[in-house]
C-alpha atoms as a PDB file:
ATOM      1  CA  MET A   1       0.000   0.000   0.000  1.00  0.00           C
ATOM      2  CA  PHE A   2       2.842   2.366   0.887  1.00  0.00           C
ATOM      3  CA  THR A   3       4.457   1.774  -2.504  1.00  0.00           C
ATOM      4  CA  CYS A   4       1.220   2.583  -4.343  1.00  0.00           C
ATOM      5  CA  ILE A   5       0.761   5.809  -2.390  1.00  0.00           C
ATOM      6  CA  PHE A   6       4.405   6.735  -2.963  1.00  0.00           C
ATOM      7  CA  LEU A   7       4.120   6.156  -6.712  1.00  0.00           C
ATOM      8  CA  LEU A   8       0.873   8.140  -6.867  1.00  0.00           C
ATOM      9  CA  ILE A   9       2.488  11.079  -5.075  1.00  0.00           C
ATOM     10  CA  CYS A  10       5.472  10.866  -7.430  1.00  0.00           C
ATOM     11  CA  HIS A  11       3.156  10.800 -10.461  1.00  0.00           C
ATOM     12  CA  ILE A  12       1.222  13.853  -9.303  1.00  0.00           C
ATOM     13  CA  THR A  13       4.420  15.712  -8.469  1.00  0.00           C
ATOM     14  CA  ALA A  14       5.991  14.863 -11.835  1.00  0.00           C
ATOM     15  CA  CYS A  15       2.898  16.212 -13.584  1.00  0.00           C
ATOM     16  CA  LEU A  16       3.040  19.380 -11.476  1.00  0.00           C
ATOM     17  CA  TRP A  17       6.743  19.760 -12.295  1.00  0.00           C
ATOM     18  CA  ILE A  18       5.888  19.733 -16.006  1.00  0.00           C
ATOM     19  CA  ILE A  19       2.929  22.086 -15.499  1.00  0.00           C
ATOM     20  CA  ILE A  20       5.066  24.609 -13.605  1.00  0.00           C
ATOM     21  CA  ALA A  21       7.591  24.683 -16.453  1.00  0.00           C
ATOM     22  CA  SER A  22       4.811  24.875 -19.051  1.00  0.00           C
ATOM     23  CA  LEU A  23       3.237  27.878 -17.318  1.00  0.00           C
ATOM     24  CA  GLU A  24       6.524  29.714 -17.688  1.00  0.00           C
ATOM     25  CA  GLU A  25       6.851  28.827 -21.354  1.00  0.00           C
ATOM     26  CA  GLY A  26       9.263  31.101 -23.157  1.00  0.00           C
ATOM     27  CA  ASP A  27      11.451  31.632 -20.080  1.00  0.00           C
ATOM     28  CA  PRO A  28      14.871  30.259 -21.079  1.00  0.00           C
ATOM     29  CA  ASN A  29      15.614  29.290 -17.469  1.00  0.00           C
ATOM     30  CA  THR A  30      12.958  26.595 -17.047  1.00  0.00           C
ATOM     31  CA  TRP A  31      14.167  23.038 -16.991  1.00  0.00           C
ATOM     32  CA  LEU A  32      12.079  22.257 -20.086  1.00  0.00           C
ATOM     33  CA  GLU A  33      13.541  25.076 -22.161  1.00  0.00           C
ATOM     34  CA  GLU A  34      17.155  24.284 -21.313  1.00  0.00           C
ATOM     35  CA  LYS A  35      17.631  20.891 -22.913  1.00  0.00           C
ATOM     36  CA  TYR A  36      14.432  18.900 -22.609  1.00  0.00           C
ATOM     37  CA  GLN A  37      12.158  20.825 -24.989  1.00  0.00           C
ATOM     38  CA  VAL A  38      13.003  18.519 -27.898  1.00  0.00           C
ATOM     39  CA  MET A  39      11.759  15.471 -25.984  1.00  0.00           C
ATOM     40  CA  THR A  40       8.420  13.809 -26.555  1.00  0.00           C
ATOM     41  CA  ASP A  41       5.736  14.152 -23.892  1.00  0.00           C
ATOM     42  CA  SER A  42       6.472  10.677 -22.530  1.00  0.00           C
ATOM     43  CA  GLU A  43      10.206  11.447 -22.326  1.00  0.00           C
ATOM     44  CA  GLN A  44       9.454  14.701 -20.502  1.00  0.00           C
ATOM     45  CA  TYR A  45       7.198  12.815 -18.073  1.00  0.00           C
ATOM     46  CA  LEU A  46       9.861  10.182 -17.457  1.00  0.00           C
ATOM     47  CA  THR A  47      12.446  12.903 -16.848  1.00  0.00           C
ATOM     48  CA  ALA A  48      10.098  14.719 -14.449  1.00  0.00           C
ATOM     49  CA  PHE A  49       9.329  11.421 -12.676  1.00  0.00           C
ATOM     50  CA  TYR A  50      13.070  10.731 -12.382  1.00  0.00           C
ATOM     51  CA  PHE A  51      13.601  14.221 -10.903  1.00  0.00           C
ATOM     52  CA  THR A  52      10.770  13.613  -8.430  1.00  0.00           C
ATOM     53  CA  ILE A  53      12.136  10.262  -7.262  1.00  0.00           C
ATOM     54  CA  THR A  54      15.697  11.535  -6.849  1.00  0.00           C
ATOM     55  CA  THR A  55      14.531  14.627  -4.982  1.00  0.00           C
ATOM     56  CA  ILE A  56      12.054  12.882  -2.675  1.00  0.00           C
ATOM     57  CA  THR A  57      14.594  10.218  -1.751  1.00  0.00           C
ATOM     58  CA  THR A  58      17.052  13.021  -0.924  1.00  0.00           C
ATOM     59  CA  VAL A  59      19.610  11.826  -3.445  1.00  0.00           C
ATOM     60  CA  GLY A  60      19.079  14.737  -5.833  1.00  0.00           C
ATOM     61  CA  TYR A  61      21.872  14.295  -8.357  1.00  0.00           C
ATOM     62  CA  GLY A  62      21.468  17.865  -9.635  1.00  0.00           C
ATOM     63  CA  ASP A  63      21.326  16.934 -13.318  1.00  0.00           C
ATOM     64  CA  ILE A  64      17.806  18.400 -13.400  1.00  0.00           C
ATOM     65  CA  SER A  65      17.005  21.435 -11.285  1.00  0.00           C
ATOM     66  CA  GLY A  66      14.657  24.352 -11.144  1.00  0.00           C
ATOM     67  CA  GLY A  67      15.844  27.367 -13.043  1.00  0.00           C
ATOM     68  CA  THR A  68      13.046  29.800 -12.265  1.00  0.00           C
ATOM     69  CA  GLN A  69      11.856  31.038  -8.888  1.00  0.00           C
ATOM     70  CA  THR A  70       8.635  29.002  -9.154  1.00  0.00           C
ATOM     71  CA  GLU A  71      10.541  25.828  -9.997  1.00  0.00           C
ATOM     72  CA  LYS A  72      12.933  26.403  -7.112  1.00  0.00           C
ATOM     73  CA  ALA A  73      10.012  26.888  -4.721  1.00  0.00           C
ATOM     74  CA  GLY A  74       8.429  23.684  -6.064  1.00  0.00           C
ATOM     75  CA  ALA A  75      11.700  21.792  -5.586  1.00  0.00           C
ATOM     76  CA  ILE A  76      11.969  23.081  -2.002  1.00  0.00           C
ATOM     77  CA  LEU A  77       8.439  21.877  -1.251  1.00  0.00           C
ATOM     78  CA  LEU A  78       9.295  18.523  -2.809  1.00  0.00           C
ATOM     79  CA  MET A  79      12.373  18.180  -0.609  1.00  0.00           C
ATOM     80  CA  ILE A  80      10.318  19.011   2.488  1.00  0.00           C
ATOM     81  CA  LEU A  81       7.735  16.413   1.421  1.00  0.00           C
ATOM     82  CA  GLY A  82      10.528  13.852   1.030  1.00  0.00           C
ATOM     83  CA  VAL A  83      11.924  14.527   4.500  1.00  0.00           C
ATOM     84  CA  ILE A  84       8.471  14.304   6.067  1.00  0.00           C
ATOM     85  CA  ALA A  85       7.683  11.059   4.220  1.00  0.00           C
ATOM     86  CA  PHE A  86      11.012   9.550   5.281  1.00  0.00           C
ATOM     87  CA  SER A  87      10.425  10.600   8.902  1.00  0.00           C
ATOM     88  CA  VAL A  88       6.907   9.166   8.981  1.00  0.00           C
ATOM     89  CA  SER A  89       8.109   5.917   7.392  1.00  0.00           C
ATOM     90  CA  SER A  90      10.940   5.578   9.897  1.00  0.00           C
ATOM     91  CA  ALA A  91       8.636   6.304  12.827  1.00  0.00           C
ATOM     92  CA  SER A  92       6.069   3.774  11.586  1.00  0.00           C
ATOM     93  CA  LEU A  93       8.700   1.084  11.154  1.00  0.00           C
ATOM     94  CA  THR A  94      10.082   1.792  14.626  1.00  0.00           C
ATOM     95  CA  SER A  95       6.584   1.548  16.077  1.00  0.00           C
ATOM     96  CA  ILE A  96       5.974  -1.786  14.344  1.00  0.00           C
ATOM     97  CA  PHE A  97       9.224  -3.248  15.676  1.00  0.00           C
ATOM     98  CA  SER A  98       8.562  -1.878  19.160  1.00  0.00           C
ATOM     99  CA  SER A  99       5.061  -3.361  19.380  1.00  0.00           C
ATOM    100  CA  HIS A 100       6.372  -6.674  18.004  1.00  0.00           C
ATOM    101  CA  ASP A 101       9.026  -6.794  20.725  1.00  0.00           C
ATOM    102  CA  LYS A 102       6.453  -6.034  23.449  1.00  0.00           C
ATOM    103  CA  THR A 103       4.111  -8.726  22.153  1.00  0.00           C
ATOM    104  CA  GLU A 104       6.919 -11.262  21.985  1.00  0.00           C
ATOM    105  CA  ALA A 105       8.013 -10.406  25.546  1.00  0.00           C
ATOM    106  CA  ALA A 106       4.439 -10.827  26.823  1.00  0.00           C
ATOM    107  CA  ILE A 107       4.134 -14.231  25.124  1.00  0.00           C
ATOM    108  CA  LYS A 108       7.412 -15.408  26.666  1.00  0.00           C
ATOM    109  CA  GLU A 109       6.266 -14.235  30.102  1.00  0.00           C
ATOM    110  CA  ARG A 110       2.991 -16.140  29.783  1.00  0.00           C
ATOM    111  CA  LEU A 111       4.787 -19.274  28.624  1.00  0.00           C
ATOM    112  CA  GLU A 112       7.110 -19.104  31.610  1.00  0.00           C
ATOM    113  CA  MET A 113       4.112 -18.733  33.938  1.00  0.00           C
ATOM    114  CA  LEU A 114       2.444 -21.765  32.337  1.00  0.00           C
ATOM    115  CA  GLN A 115       5.607 -23.829  32.665  1.00  0.00           C
ATOM    116  CA  LYS A 116       5.752 -23.053  36.411  1.00  0.00           C
ATOM    117  CA  LEU A 117       2.207 -24.380  36.870  1.00  0.00           C
END
């Protein structure tokens, strides 16, 4: 379920990344105008999806970046989203392991009590 939600968020963000650049059409600083304008729509989507994944996972190679103020603001929001998603995922995983350990300890305690009887 987490993977599906993650991919959906990445899809929406990739589409927004293309829309932001399209709204600033004619500005030579947008990521689409620089070197990606000659790509097909599917290649632009794949490039935007790649940018989204690398930015959300905090790798961010820097080969694609925002050139305009709007794109930079969008990239900042994407980085914040990535940090929040990573934090929530880590906290959830920690909670799962913690509750598993407590349950296992309770089972062992009950087994020991039964063995004493």
